[in-house]
Amino acid sequence: MTLKPLGDKVVVKFVEAEEKTKGGIILSSAAQEKPQIAEIVSVGPGGVVDGKEVKMEVKVGEKVILNQYAGTKVKLDSEEYTVCRQGDILAIVE
């Protein structure tokens, strides 16, 4: 099964949090921050959303930074995804 978002929605998968600091200290799962960097898995078509023309500016495969509490969590085939609006994306990581 695949997820195909509608309108201005995108499907993302969060990148795993770092288990080690740059200094080499291993972090417990409780000490790790919730990751905010995600990879785009699928992009909706855009179009007219809420009476406004929306052009999709992100592409599949790009890494983005999301608002921490953005979107809706979905579990599909033992993988966890988040479906959110393009407006919840704060930046593209280059």
N, C-alpha and C. Protein backbone atom coordinates (compact mmCIF):
# COMPACT_ATOMS: atom_id res chain seq x y z
N MET A 1 0.83 -1.19 0.00
CA MET A 1 0.00 0.00 0.00
C MET A 1 0.87 1.25 0.00
N THR A 2 0.36 2.29 -0.61
CA THR A 2 1.07 3.57 -0.60
C THR A 2 0.10 4.67 -0.17
N LEU A 3 0.64 5.77 0.27
CA LEU A 3 -0.16 6.93 0.65
C LEU A 3 -0.04 7.97 -0.44
N LYS A 4 -1.18 8.44 -0.96
CA LYS A 4 -1.20 9.49 -1.98
C LYS A 4 -1.93 10.69 -1.39
N PRO A 5 -1.20 11.74 -1.01
CA PRO A 5 -1.84 12.90 -0.38
C PRO A 5 -2.67 13.71 -1.37
N LEU A 6 -3.66 14.40 -0.85
CA LEU A 6 -4.55 15.23 -1.65
C LEU A 6 -4.26 16.71 -1.39
N GLY A 7 -4.60 17.56 -2.33
CA GLY A 7 -4.46 19.01 -2.16
C GLY A 7 -3.04 19.42 -1.85
N ASP A 8 -2.89 20.22 -0.79
CA ASP A 8 -1.57 20.75 -0.43
C ASP A 8 -0.89 19.91 0.65
N LYS A 9 -1.22 18.63 0.73
CA LYS A 9 -0.65 17.76 1.76
C LYS A 9 0.61 17.07 1.24
N VAL A 10 1.49 16.71 2.18
CA VAL A 10 2.68 15.92 1.88
C VAL A 10 2.78 14.81 2.90
N VAL A 11 3.40 13.70 2.50
CA VAL A 11 3.66 12.58 3.40
C VAL A 11 5.16 12.56 3.66
N VAL A 12 5.54 12.55 4.94
CA VAL A 12 6.95 12.57 5.30
C VAL A 12 7.25 11.43 6.26
N LYS A 13 8.52 11.08 6.31
CA LYS A 13 9.00 10.08 7.27
C LYS A 13 10.15 10.73 8.02
N PHE A 14 10.04 10.76 9.35
CA PHE A 14 11.07 11.42 10.15
C PHE A 14 12.36 10.64 10.11
N VAL A 15 13.47 11.37 10.08
CA VAL A 15 14.81 10.81 10.13
C VAL A 15 15.08 10.46 11.59
N GLU A 16 15.71 9.32 11.82
CA GLU A 16 15.98 8.87 13.18
C GLU A 16 16.82 9.88 13.94
N ALA A 17 16.55 10.02 15.23
CA ALA A 17 17.32 10.92 16.09
C ALA A 17 18.72 10.35 16.31
N GLU A 18 19.67 11.24 16.49
CA GLU A 18 21.05 10.83 16.74
C GLU A 18 21.13 10.09 18.07
N GLU A 19 21.85 8.96 18.09
CA GLU A 19 22.03 8.21 19.31
C GLU A 19 23.30 8.60 20.03
N LYS A 20 24.17 9.35 19.33
CA LYS A 20 25.45 9.78 19.89
C LYS A 20 25.62 11.28 19.68
N THR A 21 26.22 11.94 20.64
CA THR A 21 26.55 13.35 20.46
C THR A 21 27.81 13.44 19.61
N LYS A 22 28.16 14.64 19.17
CA LYS A 22 29.38 14.81 18.37
C LYS A 22 30.61 14.44 19.17
N GLY A 23 30.53 14.56 20.50
CA GLY A 23 31.65 14.20 21.37
C GLY A 23 31.75 12.71 21.64
N GLY A 24 30.78 11.92 21.15
CA GLY A 24 30.83 10.48 21.31
C GLY A 24 30.01 9.93 22.47
N ILE A 25 29.25 10.78 23.16
CA ILE A 25 28.44 10.32 24.28
C ILE A 25 27.18 9.68 23.72
N ILE A 26 26.87 8.46 24.18
CA ILE A 26 25.68 7.75 23.73
C ILE A 26 24.49 8.22 24.56
N LEU A 27 23.41 8.61 23.88
CA LEU A 27 22.22 9.13 24.55
C LEU A 27 21.18 8.03 24.73
N SER A 28 20.51 8.04 25.88
CA SER A 28 19.39 7.12 26.08
C SER A 28 18.21 7.63 25.25
N SER A 29 17.22 6.79 25.00
CA SER A 29 16.09 7.21 24.19
C SER A 29 15.31 8.34 24.86
N ALA A 30 15.32 8.41 26.19
CA ALA A 30 14.62 9.49 26.88
C ALA A 30 15.33 10.83 26.70
N ALA A 31 16.63 10.82 26.50
CA ALA A 31 17.40 12.05 26.37
C ALA A 31 17.43 12.58 24.94
N GLN A 32 17.01 11.75 23.97
CA GLN A 32 17.05 12.18 22.58
C GLN A 32 15.90 13.13 22.29
N GLU A 33 16.19 14.17 21.51
CA GLU A 33 15.16 15.11 21.12
C GLU A 33 14.30 14.50 20.03
N LYS A 34 13.03 14.93 19.98
CA LYS A 34 12.16 14.50 18.90
C LYS A 34 12.72 15.05 17.60
N PRO A 35 12.93 14.20 16.58
CA PRO A 35 13.51 14.71 15.34
C PRO A 35 12.54 15.65 14.62
N GLN A 36 13.09 16.68 14.01
CA GLN A 36 12.29 17.61 13.25
C GLN A 36 12.64 17.56 11.77
N ILE A 37 13.67 16.79 11.42
CA ILE A 37 14.06 16.65 10.02
C ILE A 37 13.38 15.40 9.48
N ALA A 38 12.72 15.57 8.35
CA ALA A 38 11.99 14.47 7.73
C ALA A 38 12.29 14.43 6.23
N GLU A 39 12.08 13.26 5.65
CA GLU A 39 12.25 13.10 4.21
C GLU A 39 10.86 13.00 3.58
N ILE A 40 10.67 13.71 2.48
CA ILE A 40 9.37 13.70 1.81
C ILE A 40 9.21 12.41 1.02
N VAL A 41 8.11 11.71 1.28
CA VAL A 41 7.83 10.43 0.64
C VAL A 41 6.87 10.62 -0.53
N SER A 42 5.90 11.53 -0.38
CA SER A 42 4.90 11.74 -1.41
C SER A 42 4.37 13.18 -1.32
N VAL A 43 4.01 13.76 -2.46
CA VAL A 43 3.54 15.15 -2.51
C VAL A 43 2.20 15.19 -3.22
N GLY A 44 1.26 15.96 -2.65
CA GLY A 44 -0.05 16.14 -3.28
C GLY A 44 0.05 17.02 -4.52
N PRO A 45 -1.05 17.12 -5.27
CA PRO A 45 -1.03 17.86 -6.53
C PRO A 45 -1.11 19.38 -6.39
N GLY A 46 -1.44 19.89 -5.21
CA GLY A 46 -1.62 21.34 -5.06
C GLY A 46 -2.97 21.73 -5.61
N GLY A 47 -3.05 22.82 -6.34
CA GLY A 47 -4.32 23.27 -6.91
C GLY A 47 -4.98 24.30 -6.03
N VAL A 48 -6.30 24.38 -6.09
CA VAL A 48 -7.05 25.34 -5.29
C VAL A 48 -7.40 24.71 -3.96
N VAL A 49 -6.90 25.30 -2.87
CA VAL A 49 -7.18 24.81 -1.52
C VAL A 49 -7.72 25.98 -0.72
N ASP A 50 -8.91 25.82 -0.17
CA ASP A 50 -9.57 26.88 0.61
C ASP A 50 -9.68 28.18 -0.19
N GLY A 51 -9.97 28.06 -1.48
CA GLY A 51 -10.16 29.23 -2.34
C GLY A 51 -8.90 29.92 -2.81
N LYS A 52 -7.73 29.35 -2.49
CA LYS A 52 -6.46 29.96 -2.90
C LYS A 52 -5.67 28.97 -3.73
N GLU A 53 -4.98 29.48 -4.75
CA GLU A 53 -4.13 28.65 -5.59
C GLU A 53 -2.87 28.26 -4.81
N VAL A 54 -2.59 26.96 -4.72
CA VAL A 54 -1.42 26.48 -3.99
C VAL A 54 -0.49 25.76 -4.96
N LYS A 55 0.76 26.22 -5.06
CA LYS A 55 1.77 25.59 -5.90
C LYS A 55 2.68 24.79 -4.96
N MET A 56 2.88 23.53 -5.26
CA MET A 56 3.73 22.69 -4.42
C MET A 56 5.19 23.03 -4.70
N GLU A 57 5.92 23.37 -3.65
CA GLU A 57 7.30 23.81 -3.78
C GLU A 57 8.30 22.75 -3.33
N VAL A 58 7.82 21.61 -2.86
CA VAL A 58 8.70 20.55 -2.38
C VAL A 58 8.59 19.34 -3.30
N LYS A 59 9.63 18.51 -3.29
CA LYS A 59 9.67 17.33 -4.16
C LYS A 59 9.97 16.09 -3.32
N VAL A 60 9.59 14.95 -3.85
CA VAL A 60 9.87 13.67 -3.20
C VAL A 60 11.38 13.51 -3.05
N GLY A 61 11.81 13.07 -1.87
CA GLY A 61 13.23 12.83 -1.62
C GLY A 61 13.93 13.97 -0.91
N GLU A 62 13.33 15.17 -0.92
CA GLU A 62 13.95 16.30 -0.22
C GLU A 62 13.83 16.12 1.28
N LYS A 63 14.83 16.63 2.00
CA LYS A 63 14.77 16.64 3.46
C LYS A 63 14.29 18.01 3.89
N VAL A 64 13.36 18.02 4.84
CA VAL A 64 12.75 19.26 5.29
C VAL A 64 12.73 19.33 6.81
N ILE A 65 12.55 20.54 7.32
CA ILE A 65 12.36 20.74 8.76
C ILE A 65 10.90 21.09 8.97
N LEU A 66 10.27 20.34 9.86
CA LEU A 66 8.85 20.52 10.14
C LEU A 66 8.63 21.19 11.48
N ASN A 67 7.49 21.84 11.60
CA ASN A 67 7.01 22.30 12.88
C ASN A 67 6.93 21.08 13.79
N GLN A 68 7.32 21.20 15.05
CA GLN A 68 7.45 20.05 15.94
C GLN A 68 6.16 19.24 16.10
N TYR A 69 5.02 19.88 16.13
CA TYR A 69 3.76 19.17 16.36
C TYR A 69 2.88 19.13 15.11
N ALA A 70 3.48 19.21 13.94
CA ALA A 70 2.74 19.27 12.68
C ALA A 70 2.19 17.91 12.28
N GLY A 71 1.07 17.94 11.62
CA GLY A 71 0.55 16.78 10.93
C GLY A 71 -0.13 15.72 11.77
N THR A 72 -0.48 14.64 11.07
CA THR A 72 -1.16 13.49 11.66
C THR A 72 -0.30 12.26 11.44
N LYS A 73 -0.06 11.51 12.49
CA LYS A 73 0.75 10.29 12.42
C LYS A 73 -0.09 9.17 11.82
N VAL A 74 0.53 8.40 10.92
CA VAL A 74 -0.14 7.27 10.26
C VAL A 74 0.83 6.10 10.25
N LYS A 75 0.36 4.91 10.64
CA LYS A 75 1.21 3.73 10.58
C LYS A 75 0.72 2.85 9.44
N LEU A 76 1.62 2.50 8.53
CA LEU A 76 1.27 1.71 7.36
C LEU A 76 2.38 0.71 7.09
N ASP A 77 2.06 -0.57 7.05
CA ASP A 77 3.04 -1.63 6.81
C ASP A 77 4.23 -1.52 7.77
N SER A 78 3.95 -1.34 9.04
CA SER A 78 4.92 -1.25 10.14
C SER A 78 5.86 -0.04 10.03
N GLU A 79 5.58 0.90 9.16
CA GLU A 79 6.34 2.15 9.04
C GLU A 79 5.46 3.29 9.53
N GLU A 80 6.07 4.28 10.20
CA GLU A 80 5.31 5.42 10.68
C GLU A 80 5.58 6.64 9.80
N TYR A 81 4.50 7.24 9.31
CA TYR A 81 4.57 8.41 8.46
C TYR A 81 3.79 9.55 9.11
N THR A 82 4.01 10.76 8.62
CA THR A 82 3.24 11.92 9.05
C THR A 82 2.69 12.59 7.80
N VAL A 83 1.39 12.89 7.83
CA VAL A 83 0.74 13.61 6.74
C VAL A 83 0.51 15.04 7.25
N CYS A 84 1.06 16.02 6.54
CA CYS A 84 0.92 17.41 6.97
C CYS A 84 0.71 18.31 5.76
N ARG A 85 0.36 19.55 6.03
CA ARG A 85 0.21 20.55 4.97
C ARG A 85 1.58 21.08 4.58
N GLN A 86 1.70 21.53 3.36
CA GLN A 86 2.95 22.12 2.92
C GLN A 86 3.31 23.33 3.79
N GLY A 87 2.31 24.04 4.31
CA GLY A 87 2.54 25.20 5.17
C GLY A 87 3.19 24.87 6.50
N ASP A 88 3.16 23.59 6.93
CA ASP A 88 3.80 23.18 8.17
C ASP A 88 5.30 22.98 8.00
N ILE A 89 5.76 22.98 6.74
CA ILE A 89 7.20 22.82 6.47
C ILE A 89 7.86 24.17 6.65
N LEU A 90 8.87 24.20 7.51
CA LEU A 90 9.56 25.46 7.81
C LEU A 90 10.70 25.76 6.85
N ALA A 91 11.42 24.70 6.41
CA ALA A 91 12.58 24.92 5.53
C ALA A 91 12.93 23.62 4.83
N ILE A 92 13.67 23.76 3.71
CA ILE A 92 14.22 22.62 2.99
C ILE A 92 15.70 22.54 3.36
N VAL A 93 16.16 21.35 3.71
CA VAL A 93 17.56 21.15 4.08
C VAL A 93 18.35 20.85 2.81
N GLU A 94 19.36 21.67 2.53
CA GLU A 94 20.16 21.47 1.31
C GLU A 94 21.55 20.99 1.65
